[in-house]
Each structure stands twice: as C-alpha cells, then as structure tokens.
Amino acid sequence: MSWLGLVAVIIGLYLAFKVAGMVLKLALWVLIVVAAYWWLAPLFGWPSLEEVVYVLGP
C-alpha cells in the first residue's frame, strides 16, 4: 500500500468516527425531545405521544 492509500484510510477512519459521533448526538437529541414531549404533553393538554405517532405513522 502506498503512502497515499495509507493517508486515505486514515482520513476515512477519522471521518467515519466524526459521522458516527454526529449520528449519536442527533439520536440523543431526538430522545430528549421525545421524552420532554411525553412528559409535558399531559400538563399542557397536548395530544399524547401515541396519538402523534399514530397520525404521523403509516
């Protein structure tokens, strides 16, 4: 393997870790928003999470 290939592999691994970290952060924020809605919906009289998922579902 040439040095150019080695550099490409290193950059690819670095970018893969960056993308994986971004996906995990996005998943965590989605979980936080869903949990906040699930907790706050009854207090504010909003539709329950099950109703929202049913309307948005297939």
PDB file of N, CA and C in Angstrom:
ATOM      1  N   MET A   1       0.853  -1.178   0.000  1.00  0.00           N
ATOM      2  CA  MET A   1       0.000   0.000   0.000  1.00  0.00           C
ATOM      3  C   MET A   1       0.898   1.240   0.000  1.00  0.00           C
ATOM      4  N   SER A   2       0.555   2.153  -0.867  1.00  0.00           N
ATOM      5  CA  SER A   2       1.361   3.368  -0.955  1.00  0.00           C
ATOM      6  C   SER A   2       1.022   4.307   0.204  1.00  0.00           C
ATOM      7  N   TRP A   3       1.832   5.322   0.349  1.00  0.00           N
ATOM      8  CA  TRP A   3       1.591   6.283   1.427  1.00  0.00           C
ATOM      9  C   TRP A   3       0.311   7.054   1.173  1.00  0.00           C
ATOM     10  N   LEU A   4      -0.056   7.236  -0.094  1.00  0.00           N
ATOM     11  CA  LEU A   4      -1.292   7.936  -0.422  1.00  0.00           C
ATOM     12  C   LEU A   4      -2.510   7.114   0.019  1.00  0.00           C
ATOM     13  N   GLY A   5      -2.429   5.802  -0.175  1.00  0.00           N
ATOM     14  CA  GLY A   5      -3.505   4.923   0.282  1.00  0.00           C
ATOM     15  C   GLY A   5      -3.621   4.921   1.799  1.00  0.00           C
ATOM     16  N   LEU A   6      -2.495   4.924   2.465  1.00  0.00           N
ATOM     17  CA  LEU A   6      -2.487   4.959   3.923  1.00  0.00           C
ATOM     18  C   LEU A   6      -3.108   6.253   4.443  1.00  0.00           C
ATOM     19  N   VAL A   7      -2.784   7.373   3.820  1.00  0.00           N
ATOM     20  CA  VAL A   7      -3.369   8.656   4.208  1.00  0.00           C
ATOM     21  C   VAL A   7      -4.874   8.639   3.964  1.00  0.00           C
ATOM     22  N   ALA A   8      -5.307   8.066   2.839  1.00  0.00           N
ATOM     23  CA  ALA A   8      -6.737   7.983   2.537  1.00  0.00           C
ATOM     24  C   ALA A   8      -7.478   7.139   3.569  1.00  0.00           C
ATOM     25  N   VAL A   9      -6.880   6.036   3.996  1.00  0.00           N
ATOM     26  CA  VAL A   9      -7.507   5.186   5.015  1.00  0.00           C
ATOM     27  C   VAL A   9      -7.611   5.926   6.340  1.00  0.00           C
ATOM     28  N   ILE A  10      -6.574   6.627   6.727  1.00  0.00           N
ATOM     29  CA  ILE A  10      -6.598   7.379   7.985  1.00  0.00           C
ATOM     30  C   ILE A  10      -7.663   8.473   7.950  1.00  0.00           C
ATOM     31  N   ILE A  11      -7.725   9.200   6.839  1.00  0.00           N
ATOM     32  CA  ILE A  11      -8.750  10.253   6.714  1.00  0.00           C
ATOM     33  C   ILE A  11     -10.142   9.635   6.708  1.00  0.00           C
ATOM     34  N   GLY A  12     -10.309   8.510   6.041  1.00  0.00           N
ATOM     35  CA  GLY A  12     -11.603   7.831   6.024  1.00  0.00           C
ATOM     36  C   GLY A  12     -12.049   7.385   7.412  1.00  0.00           C
ATOM     37  N   LEU A  13     -11.120   6.833   8.186  1.00  0.00           N
ATOM     38  CA  LEU A  13     -11.450   6.423   9.553  1.00  0.00           C
ATOM     39  C   LEU A  13     -11.815   7.624  10.421  1.00  0.00           C
ATOM     40  N   TYR A  14     -11.069   8.696  10.271  1.00  0.00           N
ATOM     41  CA  TYR A  14     -11.354   9.915  11.026  1.00  0.00           C
ATOM     42  C   TYR A  14     -12.757  10.434  10.703  1.00  0.00           C
ATOM     43  N   LEU A  15     -13.089  10.494   9.422  1.00  0.00           N
ATOM     44  CA  LEU A  15     -14.415  10.973   9.024  1.00  0.00           C
ATOM     45  C   LEU A  15     -15.518  10.022   9.480  1.00  0.00           C
ATOM     46  N   ALA A  16     -15.255   8.719   9.464  1.00  0.00           N
ATOM     47  CA  ALA A  16     -16.249   7.752   9.939  1.00  0.00           C
ATOM     48  C   ALA A  16     -16.537   7.962  11.423  1.00  0.00           C
ATOM     49  N   PHE A  17     -15.515   8.213  12.225  1.00  0.00           N
ATOM     50  CA  PHE A  17     -15.728   8.482  13.652  1.00  0.00           C
ATOM     51  C   PHE A  17     -16.492   9.784  13.853  1.00  0.00           C
ATOM     52  N   LYS A  18     -16.197  10.801  13.033  1.00  0.00           N
ATOM     53  CA  LYS A  18     -16.919  12.071  13.138  1.00  0.00           C
ATOM     54  C   LYS A  18     -18.396  11.884  12.798  1.00  0.00           C
ATOM     55  N   VAL A  19     -18.686  11.156  11.744  1.00  0.00           N
ATOM     56  CA  VAL A  19     -20.079  10.918  11.344  1.00  0.00           C
ATOM     57  C   VAL A  19     -20.801  10.091  12.402  1.00  0.00           C
ATOM     58  N   ALA A  20     -20.142   9.083  12.942  1.00  0.00           N
ATOM     59  CA  ALA A  20     -20.762   8.257  13.977  1.00  0.00           C
ATOM     60  C   ALA A  20     -21.079   9.102  15.211  1.00  0.00           C
ATOM     61  N   GLY A  21     -20.177  10.001  15.579  1.00  0.00           N
ATOM     62  CA  GLY A  21     -20.422  10.881  16.719  1.00  0.00           C
ATOM     63  C   GLY A  21     -21.594  11.813  16.465  1.00  0.00           C
ATOM     64  N   MET A  22     -21.693  12.346  15.242  1.00  0.00           N
ATOM     65  CA  MET A  22     -22.810  13.226  14.910  1.00  0.00           C
ATOM     66  C   MET A  22     -24.129  12.467  14.949  1.00  0.00           C
ATOM     67  N   VAL A  23     -24.149  11.250  14.450  1.00  0.00           N
ATOM     68  CA  VAL A  23     -25.375  10.445  14.460  1.00  0.00           C
ATOM     69  C   VAL A  23     -25.794  10.135  15.893  1.00  0.00           C
ATOM     70  N   LEU A  24     -24.845   9.820  16.749  1.00  0.00           N
ATOM     71  CA  LEU A  24     -25.176   9.549  18.150  1.00  0.00           C
ATOM     72  C   LEU A  24     -25.702  10.800  18.854  1.00  0.00           C
ATOM     73  N   LYS A  25     -25.111  11.964  18.572  1.00  0.00           N
ATOM     74  CA  LYS A  25     -25.614  13.205  19.164  1.00  0.00           C
ATOM     75  C   LYS A  25     -27.018  13.514  18.679  1.00  0.00           C
ATOM     76  N   LEU A  26     -27.271  13.299  17.393  1.00  0.00           N
ATOM     77  CA  LEU A  26     -28.606  13.528  16.841  1.00  0.00           C
ATOM     78  C   LEU A  26     -29.623  12.583  17.469  1.00  0.00           C
ATOM     79  N   ALA A  27     -29.254  11.317  17.633  1.00  0.00           N
ATOM     80  CA  ALA A  27     -30.151  10.353  18.259  1.00  0.00           C
ATOM     81  C   ALA A  27     -30.438  10.741  19.713  1.00  0.00           C
ATOM     82  N   LEU A  28     -29.438  11.222  20.417  1.00  0.00           N
ATOM     83  CA  LEU A  28     -29.639  11.644  21.800  1.00  0.00           C
ATOM     84  C   LEU A  28     -30.590  12.829  21.869  1.00  0.00           C
ATOM     85  N   TRP A  29     -30.456  13.813  20.968  1.00  0.00           N
ATOM     86  CA  TRP A  29     -31.355  14.964  20.963  1.00  0.00           C
ATOM     87  C   TRP A  29     -32.786  14.559  20.621  1.00  0.00           C
ATOM     88  N   VAL A  30     -32.944  13.627  19.692  1.00  0.00           N
ATOM     89  CA  VAL A  30     -34.294  13.136  19.371  1.00  0.00           C
ATOM     90  C   VAL A  30     -34.900  12.465  20.593  1.00  0.00           C
ATOM     91  N   LEU A  31     -34.123  11.678  21.300  1.00  0.00           N
ATOM     92  CA  LEU A  31     -34.603  11.025  22.513  1.00  0.00           C
ATOM     93  C   LEU A  31     -34.995  12.048  23.575  1.00  0.00           C
ATOM     94  N   ILE A  32     -34.217  13.104  23.728  1.00  0.00           N
ATOM     95  CA  ILE A  32     -34.524  14.147  24.710  1.00  0.00           C
ATOM     96  C   ILE A  32     -35.814  14.870  24.347  1.00  0.00           C
ATOM     97  N   VAL A  33     -35.984  15.203  23.074  1.00  0.00           N
ATOM     98  CA  VAL A  33     -37.197  15.905  22.644  1.00  0.00           C
ATOM     99  C   VAL A  33     -38.430  15.027  22.827  1.00  0.00           C
ATOM    100  N   VAL A  34     -38.337  13.756  22.463  1.00  0.00           N
ATOM    101  CA  VAL A  34     -39.469  12.840  22.630  1.00  0.00           C
ATOM    102  C   VAL A  34     -39.800  12.662  24.105  1.00  0.00           C
ATOM    103  N   ALA A  35     -38.796  12.518  24.955  1.00  0.00           N
ATOM    104  CA  ALA A  35     -39.038  12.359  26.386  1.00  0.00           C
ATOM    105  C   ALA A  35     -39.663  13.622  26.978  1.00  0.00           C
ATOM    106  N   ALA A  36     -39.205  14.790  26.551  1.00  0.00           N
ATOM    107  CA  ALA A  36     -39.776  16.046  27.042  1.00  0.00           C
ATOM    108  C   ALA A  36     -41.234  16.176  26.607  1.00  0.00           C
ATOM    109  N   TYR A  37     -41.534  15.818  25.370  1.00  0.00           N
ATOM    110  CA  TYR A  37     -42.916  15.884  24.900  1.00  0.00           C
ATOM    111  C   TYR A  37     -43.793  14.901  25.666  1.00  0.00           C
ATOM    112  N   TRP A  38     -43.272  13.695  25.883  1.00  0.00           N
ATOM    113  CA  TRP A  38     -44.032  12.670  26.600  1.00  0.00           C
ATOM    114  C   TRP A  38     -44.359  13.142  28.019  1.00  0.00           C
ATOM    115  N   TRP A  39     -43.435  13.876  28.629  1.00  0.00           N
ATOM    116  CA  TRP A  39     -43.634  14.349  29.994  1.00  0.00           C
ATOM    117  C   TRP A  39     -44.510  15.594  30.045  1.00  0.00           C
ATOM    118  N   LEU A  40     -44.356  16.508  29.081  1.00  0.00           N
ATOM    119  CA  LEU A  40     -45.066  17.783  29.122  1.00  0.00           C
ATOM    120  C   LEU A  40     -46.446  17.755  28.465  1.00  0.00           C
ATOM    121  N   ALA A  41     -46.708  16.817  27.585  1.00  0.00           N
ATOM    122  CA  ALA A  41     -47.984  16.800  26.866  1.00  0.00           C
ATOM    123  C   ALA A  41     -49.197  16.736  27.799  1.00  0.00           C
ATOM    124  N   PRO A  42     -49.211  15.884  28.804  1.00  0.00           N
ATOM    125  CA  PRO A  42     -50.387  15.875  29.694  1.00  0.00           C
ATOM    126  C   PRO A  42     -50.560  17.182  30.474  1.00  0.00           C
ATOM    127  N   LEU A  43     -49.451  17.832  30.805  1.00  0.00           N
ATOM    128  CA  LEU A  43     -49.542  19.069  31.575  1.00  0.00           C
ATOM    129  C   LEU A  43     -50.147  20.213  30.762  1.00  0.00           C
ATOM    130  N   PHE A  44     -49.862  20.258  29.467  1.00  0.00           N
ATOM    131  CA  PHE A  44     -50.332  21.340  28.613  1.00  0.00           C
ATOM    132  C   PHE A  44     -51.579  20.985  27.818  1.00  0.00           C
ATOM    133  N   GLY A  45     -52.076  19.769  27.962  1.00  0.00           N
ATOM    134  CA  GLY A  45     -53.264  19.350  27.239  1.00  0.00           C
ATOM    135  C   GLY A  45     -53.008  19.020  25.777  1.00  0.00           C
ATOM    136  N   TRP A  46     -51.775  18.739  25.434  1.00  0.00           N
ATOM    137  CA  TRP A  46     -51.439  18.365  24.070  1.00  0.00           C
ATOM    138  C   TRP A  46     -51.830  16.908  23.842  1.00  0.00           C
ATOM    139  N   PRO A  47     -51.953  16.485  22.583  1.00  0.00           N
ATOM    140  CA  PRO A  47     -52.234  15.067  22.333  1.00  0.00           C
ATOM    141  C   PRO A  47     -51.094  14.187  22.829  1.00  0.00           C
ATOM    142  N   SER A  48     -51.447  12.978  23.226  1.00  0.00           N
ATOM    143  CA  SER A  48     -50.421  12.074  23.759  1.00  0.00           C
ATOM    144  C   SER A  48     -49.454  11.657  22.654  1.00  0.00           C
ATOM    145  N   LEU A  49     -48.346  11.127  23.066  1.00  0.00           N
ATOM    146  CA  LEU A  49     -47.325  10.701  22.114  1.00  0.00           C
ATOM    147  C   LEU A  49     -47.855   9.589  21.215  1.00  0.00           C
ATOM    148  N   GLU A  50     -48.680   8.708  21.745  1.00  0.00           N
ATOM    149  CA  GLU A  50     -49.246   7.632  20.944  1.00  0.00           C
ATOM    150  C   GLU A  50     -50.133   8.183  19.835  1.00  0.00           C
ATOM    151  N   GLU A  51     -50.908   9.228  20.126  1.00  0.00           N
ATOM    152  CA  GLU A  51     -51.762   9.836  19.111  1.00  0.00           C
ATOM    153  C   GLU A  51     -50.928  10.520  18.030  1.00  0.00           C
ATOM    154  N   VAL A  52     -49.858  11.181  18.438  1.00  0.00           N
ATOM    155  CA  VAL A  52     -48.992  11.845  17.463  1.00  0.00           C
ATOM    156  C   VAL A  52     -48.330  10.818  16.551  1.00  0.00           C
ATOM    157  N   VAL A  53     -47.844   9.730  17.129  1.00  0.00           N
ATOM    158  CA  VAL A  53     -47.199   8.689  16.326  1.00  0.00           C
ATOM    159  C   VAL A  53     -48.214   8.037  15.401  1.00  0.00           C
ATOM    160  N   TYR A  54     -49.443   7.846  15.881  1.00  0.00           N
ATOM    161  CA  TYR A  54     -50.488   7.241  15.047  1.00  0.00           C
ATOM    162  C   TYR A  54     -50.807   8.114  13.854  1.00  0.00           C
ATOM    163  N   VAL A  55     -50.884   9.428  14.069  1.00  0.00           N
ATOM    164  CA  VAL A  55     -51.202  10.340  12.980  1.00  0.00           C
ATOM    165  C   VAL A  55     -50.043  10.411  11.984  1.00  0.00           C
ATOM    166  N   LEU A  56     -48.813  10.407  12.472  1.00  0.00           N
ATOM    167  CA  LEU A  56     -47.647  10.516  11.593  1.00  0.00           C
ATOM    168  C   LEU A  56     -47.250   9.173  10.971  1.00  0.00           C
ATOM    169  N   GLY A  57     -47.768   8.081  11.535  1.00  0.00           N
ATOM    170  CA  GLY A  57     -47.376   6.745  11.073  1.00  0.00           C
ATOM    171  C   GLY A  57     -47.982   6.390   9.727  1.00  0.00           C
ATOM    172  N   PRO A  58     -47.821   5.128   9.324  1.00  0.00           N
ATOM    173  CA  PRO A  58     -48.307   4.694   8.004  1.00  0.00           C
ATOM    174  C   PRO A  58     -49.807   4.652   7.892  1.00  0.00           C
TER     175      PRO A  58
END
